C-alpha atoms as a PDB file:
ATOM      1  CA  MET A   1     191.981 190.469 202.232  1.00  0.00           C
ATOM      2  CA  ILE A   2     195.130 191.418 200.458  1.00  0.00           C
ATOM      3  CA  LYS A   3     195.434 194.768 201.855  1.00  0.00           C
ATOM      4  CA  CYS A   4     194.746 193.460 205.618  1.00  0.00           C
ATOM      5  CA  LEU A   5     197.614 190.777 204.979  1.00  0.00           C
ATOM      6  CA  CYS A   6     199.920 193.394 203.957  1.00  0.00           C
ATOM      7  CA  LEU A   7     199.258 195.573 206.955  1.00  0.00           C
ATOM      8  CA  VAL A   8     199.907 192.591 209.155  1.00  0.00           C
ATOM      9  CA  LEU A   9     203.198 191.789 207.580  1.00  0.00           C
ATOM     10  CA  ALA A  10     204.325 195.471 207.379  1.00  0.00           C
ATOM     11  CA  LEU A  11     203.360 195.811 211.006  1.00  0.00           C
ATOM     12  CA  ALA A  12     205.497 192.757 212.046  1.00  0.00           C
ATOM     13  CA  ALA A  13     208.329 194.311 210.204  1.00  0.00           C
ATOM     14  CA  ALA A  14     208.111 197.448 211.908  1.00  0.00           C
ATOM     15  CA  LEU A  15     208.134 195.736 215.454  1.00  0.00           C
ATOM     16  CA  PHE A  16     211.670 194.963 214.866  1.00  0.00           C
ATOM     17  CA  VAL A  17     212.128 191.358 215.716  1.00  0.00           C
ATOM     18  CA  PRO A  18     215.172 190.892 217.964  1.00  0.00           C
ATOM     19  CA  ALA A  19     218.284 190.290 215.875  1.00  0.00           C
ATOM     20  CA  ALA A  20     219.365 187.388 218.091  1.00  0.00           C
ATOM     21  CA  ALA A  21     216.311 185.329 217.081  1.00  0.00           C
ATOM     22  CA  GLU A  22     218.151 184.924 213.907  1.00  0.00           C
ATOM     23  CA  SER A  23     221.796 184.711 214.963  1.00  0.00           C
ATOM     24  CA  GLY A  24     221.685 182.754 218.161  1.00  0.00           C
ATOM     25  CA  MET A  25     223.661 183.918 221.243  1.00  0.00           C
ATOM     26  CA  PRO A  26     224.804 187.427 221.461  1.00  0.00           C
ATOM     27  CA  GLU A  27     228.515 188.302 221.623  1.00  0.00           C
ATOM     28  CA  GLY A  28     229.934 187.746 224.929  1.00  0.00           C
ATOM     29  CA  VAL A  29     228.176 184.692 225.601  1.00  0.00           C
ATOM     30  CA  SER A  30     229.773 181.069 224.756  1.00  0.00           C
ATOM     31  CA  ALA A  31     227.323 179.410 222.379  1.00  0.00           C
ATOM     32  CA  ILE A  32     227.005 175.721 222.786  1.00  0.00           C
ATOM     33  CA  GLU A  33     225.937 173.907 219.557  1.00  0.00           C
ATOM     34  CA  GLU A  34     222.921 171.552 219.687  1.00  0.00           C
ATOM     35  CA  GLY A  35     223.874 167.964 220.052  1.00  0.00           C
ATOM     36  CA  VAL A  36     227.832 168.533 220.585  1.00  0.00           C
ATOM     37  CA  PRO A  37     229.025 167.559 224.289  1.00  0.00           C
ATOM     38  CA  VAL A  38     231.265 170.100 225.691  1.00  0.00           C
ATOM     39  CA  SER A  39     233.560 169.673 228.574  1.00  0.00           C
ATOM     40  CA  LEU A  40     233.721 172.602 231.012  1.00  0.00           C
ATOM     41  CA  ASP A  41     233.776 173.344 234.931  1.00  0.00           C
ATOM     42  CA  ALA A  42     229.989 174.021 235.327  1.00  0.00           C
ATOM     43  CA  ASP A  43     230.223 174.568 239.164  1.00  0.00           C
ATOM     44  CA  GLY A  44     233.484 175.804 239.738  1.00  0.00           C
ATOM     45  CA  ASP A  45     234.901 173.253 241.782  1.00  0.00           C
ATOM     46  CA  GLY A  46     237.716 172.272 239.524  1.00  0.00           C
ATOM     47  CA  ALA A  47     236.431 169.246 237.970  1.00  0.00           C
ATOM     48  CA  ALA A  48     235.010 169.091 234.260  1.00  0.00           C
ATOM     49  CA  GLU A  49     231.591 168.399 233.630  1.00  0.00           C
ATOM     50  CA  THR A  50     229.971 167.545 230.176  1.00  0.00           C
ATOM     51  CA  VAL A  51     227.231 169.677 228.953  1.00  0.00           C
ATOM     52  CA  LEU A  52     224.871 168.682 226.237  1.00  0.00           C
ATOM     53  CA  TRP A  53     221.557 170.000 224.957  1.00  0.00           C
ATOM     54  CA  SER A  54     219.178 169.328 222.430  1.00  0.00           C
ATOM     55  CA  MET A  55     215.537 170.249 221.121  1.00  0.00           C
ATOM     56  CA  LEU A  56     213.047 167.597 221.817  1.00  0.00           C
ATOM     57  CA  SER A  57     209.264 167.451 220.561  1.00  0.00           C
ATOM     58  CA  ASP A  58     206.416 165.935 222.103  1.00  0.00           C
ATOM     59  CA  GLY A  59     203.915 165.913 219.248  1.00  0.00           C
ATOM     60  CA  ASP A  60     203.679 169.509 218.220  1.00  0.00           C
ATOM     61  CA  GLU A  61     205.127 170.877 221.265  1.00  0.00           C
ATOM     62  CA  PRO A  62     208.822 171.281 221.089  1.00  0.00           C
ATOM     63  CA  ARG A  63     210.885 171.956 224.031  1.00  0.00           C
ATOM     64  CA  LEU A  64     214.615 172.253 225.003  1.00  0.00           C
ATOM     65  CA  GLN A  65     216.405 169.743 227.224  1.00  0.00           C
ATOM     66  CA  LEU A  66     219.773 170.516 228.893  1.00  0.00           C
ATOM     67  CA  ARG A  67     222.002 167.781 230.561  1.00  0.00           C
ATOM     68  CA  VAL A  68     225.077 167.911 232.689  1.00  0.00           C
ATOM     69  CA  ILE A  69     227.106 164.819 233.293  1.00  0.00           C
ATOM     70  CA  SER A  70     229.520 164.701 236.201  1.00  0.00           C
ATOM     71  CA  GLU A  71     232.945 163.023 235.929  1.00  0.00           C
ATOM     72  CA  GLY A  72     231.346 160.221 237.931  1.00  0.00           C
ATOM     73  CA  GLY A  73     228.592 159.736 235.480  1.00  0.00           C
ATOM     74  CA  ASP A  74     225.761 161.534 237.487  1.00  0.00           C
ATOM     75  CA  GLU A  75     223.280 163.336 235.252  1.00  0.00           C
ATOM     76  CA  ALA A  76     221.393 166.440 235.742  1.00  0.00           C
ATOM     77  CA  VAL A  77     218.388 167.118 233.452  1.00  0.00           C
ATOM     78  CA  PHE A  78     216.475 170.254 232.716  1.00  0.00           C
ATOM     79  CA  ASP A  79     213.562 170.614 230.432  1.00  0.00           C
ATOM     80  CA  THR A  80     212.081 173.826 229.184  1.00  0.00           C
ATOM     81  CA  ASP A  81     208.374 174.522 228.864  1.00  0.00           C
ATOM     82  CA  ILE A  82     207.339 174.678 225.140  1.00  0.00           C
ATOM     83  CA  LEU A  83     210.072 176.307 223.189  1.00  0.00           C
ATOM     84  CA  TYR A  84     210.995 176.773 219.547  1.00  0.00           C
ATOM     85  CA  GLY A  85     214.313 177.647 217.856  1.00  0.00           C
ATOM     86  CA  GLY A  86     216.268 177.282 221.236  1.00  0.00           C
ATOM     87  CA  SER A  87     220.024 178.285 221.854  1.00  0.00           C
ATOM     88  CA  VAL A  88     221.993 177.635 224.702  1.00  0.00           C
ATOM     89  CA  GLY A  89     225.338 179.193 225.953  1.00  0.00           C
ATOM     90  CA  THR A  90     227.406 180.044 229.151  1.00  0.00           C
ATOM     91  CA  ALA A  91     228.796 183.103 230.841  1.00  0.00           C
ATOM     92  CA  ASP A  92     229.989 184.362 234.286  1.00  0.00           C
ATOM     93  CA  LEU A  93     227.603 186.912 234.973  1.00  0.00           C
ATOM     94  CA  ASN A  94     228.896 188.122 238.354  1.00  0.00           C
ATOM     95  CA  GLY A  95     232.529 187.106 238.202  1.00  0.00           C
ATOM     96  CA  ASP A  96     232.657 184.462 240.798  1.00  0.00           C
ATOM     97  CA  GLY A  97     234.229 181.560 238.540  1.00  0.00           C
ATOM     98  CA  ILE A  98     230.909 179.745 238.228  1.00  0.00           C
ATOM     99  CA  LEU A  99     229.095 179.545 234.952  1.00  0.00           C
ATOM    100  CA  GLU A 100     225.623 180.460 234.371  1.00  0.00           C
ATOM    101  CA  LEU A 101     223.919 178.405 231.592  1.00  0.00           C
ATOM    102  CA  LEU A 102     221.822 180.274 229.536  1.00  0.00           C
ATOM    103  CA  ALA A 103     218.820 179.014 227.352  1.00  0.00           C
ATOM    104  CA  THR A 104     216.693 181.209 225.207  1.00  0.00           C
ATOM    105  CA  GLY A 105     214.005 180.709 222.403  1.00  0.00           C
ATOM    106  CA  ASP A 106     210.459 181.383 221.254  1.00  0.00           C
ATOM    107  CA  MET A 107     207.768 180.124 223.315  1.00  0.00           C
ATOM    108  CA  MET A 108     205.506 180.702 220.370  1.00  0.00           C
ATOM    109  CA  SER A 109     204.769 183.281 217.958  1.00  0.00           C
ATOM    110  CA  ASP A 110     207.430 185.694 218.655  1.00  0.00           C
ATOM    111  CA  ASP A 111     206.999 185.433 222.518  1.00  0.00           C
ATOM    112  CA  TYR A 112     210.538 184.941 223.682  1.00  0.00           C
ATOM    113  CA  CYS A 113     211.788 183.830 227.017  1.00  0.00           C
ATOM    114  CA  THR A 114     215.284 183.092 228.730  1.00  0.00           C
ATOM    115  CA  TYR A 115     216.398 180.551 231.392  1.00  0.00           C
ATOM    116  CA  CYS A 116     219.356 181.158 233.358  1.00  0.00           C
ATOM    117  CA  LEU A 117     220.386 177.834 235.142  1.00  0.00           C
ATOM    118  CA  HIS A 118     223.112 176.736 237.787  1.00  0.00           C
ATOM    119  CA  TYR A 119     224.819 173.662 238.269  1.00  0.00           C
ATOM    120  CA  THR A 120     225.278 172.996 241.886  1.00  0.00           C
ATOM    121  CA  ASP A 121     225.258 170.091 244.154  1.00  0.00           C
ATOM    122  CA  GLY A 122     224.520 167.659 241.264  1.00  0.00           C
ATOM    123  CA  ARG A 123     221.354 169.371 239.941  1.00  0.00           C
ATOM    124  CA  LEU A 124     220.392 172.203 237.881  1.00  0.00           C
ATOM    125  CA  ALA A 125     218.567 174.993 239.431  1.00  0.00           C
ATOM    126  CA  GLU A 126     216.656 177.897 237.866  1.00  0.00           C
ATOM    127  CA  THR A 127     217.783 181.463 238.744  1.00  0.00           C
ATOM    128  CA  LEU A 128     214.514 183.623 239.073  1.00  0.00           C
ATOM    129  CA  PHE A 129     213.876 186.693 236.995  1.00  0.00           C
ATOM    130  CA  ALA A 130     212.193 189.988 238.683  1.00  0.00           C
ATOM    131  CA  ASP A 131     208.983 190.943 237.241  1.00  0.00           C
ATOM    132  CA  ALA A 132     209.666 189.343 233.929  1.00  0.00           C
ATOM    133  CA  GLY A 133     206.274 188.461 232.519  1.00  0.00           C
ATOM    134  CA  ARG A 134     204.599 190.155 229.222  1.00  0.00           C
ATOM    135  CA  GLY A 135     201.670 191.371 231.351  1.00  0.00           C
ATOM    136  CA  VAL A 136     201.822 194.249 233.559  1.00  0.00           C
ATOM    137  CA  SER A 137     204.195 195.029 236.067  1.00  0.00           C
ATOM    138  CA  GLY A 138     204.025 193.995 239.742  1.00  0.00           C
ATOM    139  CA  ASN A 139     203.996 190.193 239.317  1.00  0.00           C
ATOM    140  CA  GLY A 140     206.772 189.005 241.494  1.00  0.00           C
ATOM    141  CA  TYR A 141     209.512 186.629 240.114  1.00  0.00           C
ATOM    142  CA  PHE A 142     209.460 183.987 237.195  1.00  0.00           C
ATOM    143  CA  LYS A 143     211.466 181.067 236.518  1.00  0.00           C
ATOM    144  CA  ALA A 144     212.101 182.304 233.006  1.00  0.00           C
ATOM    145  CA  GLY A 145     212.540 185.847 231.812  1.00  0.00           C
ATOM    146  CA  TYR A 146     210.368 187.138 229.232  1.00  0.00           C
ATOM    147  CA  GLY A 147     212.260 188.074 226.028  1.00  0.00           C
ATOM    148  CA  ARG A 148     215.160 186.669 223.988  1.00  0.00           C
ATOM    149  CA  LEU A 149     218.678 187.052 225.288  1.00  0.00           C
ATOM    150  CA  THR A 150     220.081 189.905 222.951  1.00  0.00           C
ATOM    151  CA  ALA A 151     223.088 191.445 224.713  1.00  0.00           C
ATOM    152  CA  LEU A 152     225.597 190.754 227.585  1.00  0.00           C
ATOM    153  CA  ASP A 153     227.738 193.621 229.141  1.00  0.00           C
ATOM    154  CA  PRO A 154     230.897 192.122 229.530  1.00  0.00           C
ATOM    155  CA  GLN A 155     231.935 195.035 232.081  1.00  0.00           C
ATOM    156  CA  THR A 156     229.057 194.411 234.337  1.00  0.00           C
ATOM    157  CA  GLY A 157     227.584 190.840 233.522  1.00  0.00           C
ATOM    158  CA  ALA A 158     224.184 192.589 232.714  1.00  0.00           C
ATOM    159  CA  VAL A 159     222.118 190.781 230.439  1.00  0.00           C
ATOM    160  CA  THR A 160     219.453 192.212 227.856  1.00  0.00           C
ATOM    161  CA  LEU A 161     216.160 190.446 227.161  1.00  0.00           C
ATOM    162  CA  THR A 162     214.071 191.750 224.213  1.00  0.00           C
ATOM    163  CA  GLY A 163     210.458 190.682 223.720  1.00  0.00           C
ATOM    164  CA  SER A 164     206.981 192.034 222.296  1.00  0.00           C
ATOM    165  CA  GLN A 165     205.089 194.328 224.394  1.00  0.00           C
ATOM    166  CA  ASP A 166     201.293 195.467 224.309  1.00  0.00           C
ATOM    167  CA  VAL A 167     201.262 198.978 225.171  1.00  0.00           C
ATOM    168  CA  LEU A 168     199.266 201.257 223.229  1.00  0.00           C
ATOM    169  CA  GLY A 169     200.094 198.834 220.238  1.00  0.00           C
ATOM    170  CA  THR A 170     202.485 196.067 219.825  1.00  0.00           C
ATOM    171  CA  TRP A 171     206.297 196.626 219.586  1.00  0.00           C
ATOM    172  CA  PHE A 172     209.559 194.897 220.705  1.00  0.00           C
ATOM    173  CA  GLY A 173     211.360 196.590 223.770  1.00  0.00           C
ATOM    174  CA  SER A 174     214.301 195.573 225.869  1.00  0.00           C
ATOM    175  CA  ARG A 175     215.128 195.300 229.594  1.00  0.00           C
ATOM    176  CA  THR A 176     218.247 194.666 231.459  1.00  0.00           C
ATOM    177  CA  PHE A 177     218.974 192.271 234.314  1.00  0.00           C
ATOM    178  CA  ARG A 178     222.078 191.788 236.677  1.00  0.00           C
ATOM    179  CA  LEU A 179     222.743 188.693 239.012  1.00  0.00           C
ATOM    180  CA  SER A 180     222.272 190.046 242.627  1.00  0.00           C
ATOM    181  CA  PRO A 181     224.179 188.706 245.649  1.00  0.00           C
ATOM    182  CA  ASN A 182     220.979 186.939 246.816  1.00  0.00           C
ATOM    183  CA  GLY A 183     221.066 184.742 243.690  1.00  0.00           C
ATOM    184  CA  LEU A 184     218.213 186.608 241.578  1.00  0.00           C
ATOM    185  CA  LEU A 185     218.259 188.279 238.419  1.00  0.00           C
ATOM    186  CA  GLU A 186     217.121 191.828 239.292  1.00  0.00           C
ATOM    187  CA  PHE A 187     216.384 194.760 237.084  1.00  0.00           C
ATOM    188  CA  ALA A 188     219.679 196.751 236.247  1.00  0.00           C
ATOM    189  CA  ASP A 189     218.003 199.705 234.421  1.00  0.00           C
ATOM    190  CA  GLY A 190     215.313 202.503 235.051  1.00  0.00           C
ATOM    191  CA  GLY A 191     212.528 200.365 235.313  1.00  0.00           C
ATOM    192  CA  GLN A 192     211.543 200.840 231.334  1.00  0.00           C
ATOM    193  CA  TRP A 193     210.994 198.382 228.438  1.00  0.00           C
ATOM    194  CA  ILE A 194     212.864 200.348 225.984  1.00  0.00           C
ATOM    195  CA  ARG A 195     211.698 200.047 222.297  1.00  0.00           C
ATOM    196  CA  GLU A 196     213.989 199.454 219.297  1.00  0.00           C
ATOM    197  CA  TYR A 197     213.033 201.803 216.335  1.00  0.00           C
ATOM    198  CA  ASP A 198     214.489 203.692 213.588  1.00  0.00           C
ATOM    199  CA  PRO A 199     212.787 207.167 213.404  1.00  0.00           C
ATOM    200  CA  GLU A 200     213.601 207.285 209.621  1.00  0.00           C
ATOM    201  CA  ASP A 201     211.843 204.310 208.795  1.00  0.00           C
ATOM    202  CA  PRO A 202     208.498 205.434 207.039  1.00  0.00           C
ATOM    203  CA  GLU A 203     207.041 201.993 207.620  1.00  0.00           C
ATOM    204  CA  LEU A 204     207.195 202.757 211.412  1.00  0.00           C
ATOM    205  CA  TRP A 205     205.114 205.881 210.958  1.00  0.00           C
ATOM    206  CA  GLU A 206     202.620 204.354 208.434  1.00  0.00           C
ATOM    207  CA  TYR A 207     201.899 201.133 210.360  1.00  0.00           C
ATOM    208  CA  ALA A 208     203.005 201.390 213.987  1.00  0.00           C
ATOM    209  CA  ALA A 209     202.385 204.889 214.905  1.00  0.00           C
ATOM    210  CA  LEU A 210     199.320 206.245 216.863  1.00  0.00           C
ATOM    211  CA  THR A 211     197.368 209.392 215.694  1.00  0.00           C
ATOM    212  CA  PRO A 212     195.013 211.093 218.185  1.00  0.00           C
ATOM    213  CA  VAL A 213     191.688 211.989 217.161  1.00  0.00           C
ATOM    214  CA  ARG A 214     191.365 214.362 220.274  1.00  0.00           C
ATOM    215  CA  GLU A 215     193.722 216.492 222.205  1.00  0.00           C
ATOM    216  CA  ILE A 216     195.517 214.258 224.932  1.00  0.00           C
ATOM    217  CA  ARG A 217     197.092 215.969 228.153  1.00  0.00           C
ATOM    218  CA  CYS A 218     200.531 214.612 228.985  1.00  0.00           C
ATOM    219  CA  ALA A 219     202.090 213.792 232.193  1.00  0.00           C
ATOM    220  CA  ASP A 220     203.897 217.261 232.440  1.00  0.00           C
ATOM    221  CA  GLY A 221     200.883 219.208 231.812  1.00  0.00           C
ATOM    222  CA  SER A 222     201.677 219.611 228.163  1.00  0.00           C
ATOM    223  CA  SER A 223     199.287 218.129 225.501  1.00  0.00           C
ATOM    224  CA  LEU A 224     199.275 216.002 222.243  1.00  0.00           C
ATOM    225  CA  ALA A 225     197.199 217.691 219.687  1.00  0.00           C
ATOM    226  CA  ALA A 226     194.708 215.804 217.504  1.00  0.00           C
ATOM    227  CA  GLY A 227     196.272 214.427 214.403  1.00  0.00           C
ATOM    228  CA  GLU A 228     199.887 214.740 216.161  1.00  0.00           C
ATOM    229  CA  THR A 229     201.133 211.353 215.232  1.00  0.00           C
ATOM    230  CA  PHE A 230     203.565 209.626 217.473  1.00  0.00           C
ATOM    231  CA  ILE A 231     205.064 206.384 218.372  1.00  0.00           C
ATOM    232  CA  VAL A 232     205.589 204.948 222.029  1.00  0.00           C
ATOM    233  CA  THR A 233     209.253 204.645 222.683  1.00  0.00           C
ATOM    234  CA  ALA A 234     209.287 202.955 226.227  1.00  0.00           C
ATOM    235  CA  SER A 235     207.083 202.015 229.175  1.00  0.00           C
ATOM    236  CA  ASP A 236     207.012 200.841 232.583  1.00  0.00           C
ATOM    237  CA  LYS A 237     203.708 198.741 231.902  1.00  0.00           C
ATOM    238  CA  CYS A 238     202.317 200.211 234.751  1.00  0.00           C
ATOM    239  CA  ALA A 239     201.832 203.897 234.849  1.00  0.00           C
ATOM    240  CA  SER A 240     203.705 205.819 232.099  1.00  0.00           C
ATOM    241  CA  ALA A 241     204.530 205.498 228.358  1.00  0.00           C
ATOM    242  CA  SER A 242     207.037 207.760 226.813  1.00  0.00           C
ATOM    243  CA  PHE A 243     206.713 208.815 223.239  1.00  0.00           C
ATOM    244  CA  LEU A 244     208.416 210.592 220.003  1.00  0.00           C
ATOM    245  CA  THR A 245     206.167 212.716 217.623  1.00  0.00           C
ATOM    246  CA  ARG A 246     206.978 212.626 214.024  1.00  0.00           C
ATOM    247  CA  GLU A 247     208.387 216.166 214.487  1.00  0.00           C
ATOM    248  CA  GLY A 248     210.804 214.956 216.881  1.00  0.00           C
ATOM    249  CA  ARG A 249     208.933 215.933 220.035  1.00  0.00           C
ATOM    250  CA  THR A 250     209.275 213.769 223.149  1.00  0.00           C
ATOM    251  CA  GLY A 251     207.054 213.654 226.345  1.00  0.00           C
ATOM    252  CA  THR A 252     205.419 210.953 228.765  1.00  0.00           C
ATOM    253  CA  LEU A 253     201.858 209.770 229.020  1.00  0.00           C
ATOM    254  CA  SER A 254     200.075 208.627 232.134  1.00  0.00           C
ATOM    255  CA  ILE A 255     198.624 205.464 231.440  1.00  0.00           C
ATOM    256  CA  CYS A 256     196.722 202.739 233.235  1.00  0.00           C
ATOM    257  CA  GLU A 257     195.264 199.234 232.741  1.00  0.00           C
ATOM    258  CA  ASP A 258     191.675 199.360 231.167  1.00  0.00           C
ATOM    259  CA  GLU A 259     190.154 197.637 234.138  1.00  0.00           C
ATOM    260  CA  GLN A 260     186.432 198.115 232.834  1.00  0.00           C
ATOM    261  CA  ARG A 261     187.198 196.635 229.373  1.00  0.00           C
ATOM    262  CA  GLY A 262     189.620 194.012 230.794  1.00  0.00           C
ATOM    263  CA  TRP A 263     192.622 194.520 228.474  1.00  0.00           C
ATOM    264  CA  GLY A 264     194.215 197.444 226.870  1.00  0.00           C
ATOM    265  CA  TRP A 265     195.034 200.898 228.430  1.00  0.00           C
ATOM    266  CA  THR A 266     193.598 204.189 229.342  1.00  0.00           C
ATOM    267  CA  VAL A 267     195.536 207.352 228.818  1.00  0.00           C
ATOM    268  CA  ASP A 268     194.937 210.318 231.229  1.00  0.00           C
ATOM    269  CA  GLY A 269     191.732 208.198 232.175  1.00  0.00           C
ATOM    270  CA  ILE A 270     190.378 207.868 228.659  1.00  0.00           C
ATOM    271  CA  PRO A 271     190.074 204.469 226.884  1.00  0.00           C
ATOM    272  CA  GLU A 272     192.773 204.176 224.219  1.00  0.00           C
ATOM    273  CA  GLU A 273     189.938 203.122 221.579  1.00  0.00           C
ATOM    274  CA  GLU A 274     188.224 206.624 222.005  1.00  0.00           C
ATOM    275  CA  LEU A 275     191.675 208.560 221.477  1.00  0.00           C
ATOM    276  CA  PHE A 276     193.269 207.122 218.444  1.00  0.00           C
ATOM    277  CA  GLU A 277     192.165 206.580 214.871  1.00  0.00           C
ATOM    278  CA  ARG A 278     193.340 202.978 215.239  1.00  0.00           C
ATOM    279  CA  VAL A 279     196.063 201.152 217.981  1.00  0.00           C
ATOM    280  CA  PRO A 280     198.269 198.940 216.275  1.00  0.00           C
ATOM    281  CA  TYR A 281     198.175 195.782 218.118  1.00  0.00           C
ATOM    282  CA  ALA A 282     199.564 192.565 216.346  1.00  0.00           C
ATOM    283  CA  ASP A 283     197.027 189.598 216.006  1.00  0.00           C
END
């Protein structure tokens, strides 16, 4: 029992929980303190509004509530779904002089999400995120992006979301989004969730790595030998997963959803449970 608990705790440490989960909003986003009204021009019309947010609780289900009050006293209110440890900040993501209101937090058990809201015509409207769920790719648009808001590029306005992924094990990865002319947050990267990791960390290799029990063919025709330990470094959650071996070799695996089992992945057509000593998924 003690050994199992130590393994779970070590795996959680090796996943690298995003730093913004502890520090609130990232650099470049103007944080708004909970319960403290701030005066700002939320819609760019030259008149100041009052912005205020707080964490509310309905029984055991907390949520974040954001309120914007006009000079005339009209109030727009937005409530998130279940959210723990929320933070709110503002940024002008596309340089048009109109602020985006960004709310981020934990839906439950290190499953983070981020909302991007616009105050317009006296109401708060959600900006949709492209294909930003925790599941596989190809799921359309979401009212909240999956992942904690962890970075803002001051030059391009691109925002980075970081959240846990379940691709050949559980690990934290990041994706970048940019506000498009059509008012949607579209991907601004190469289509990959990029893993955060320290290759010099011994716990990474002890608890979060994969060790093949048989040879695996890679996407470029090369192969991983039985016993050649590696970690997943990125994935499109659809067809490919990049890797780094303990010896420093890199490559890409062809992966696919394991439709027969109903969850997990196949690698080059072979179910993952047949290929590895263990697959380090978090409980």
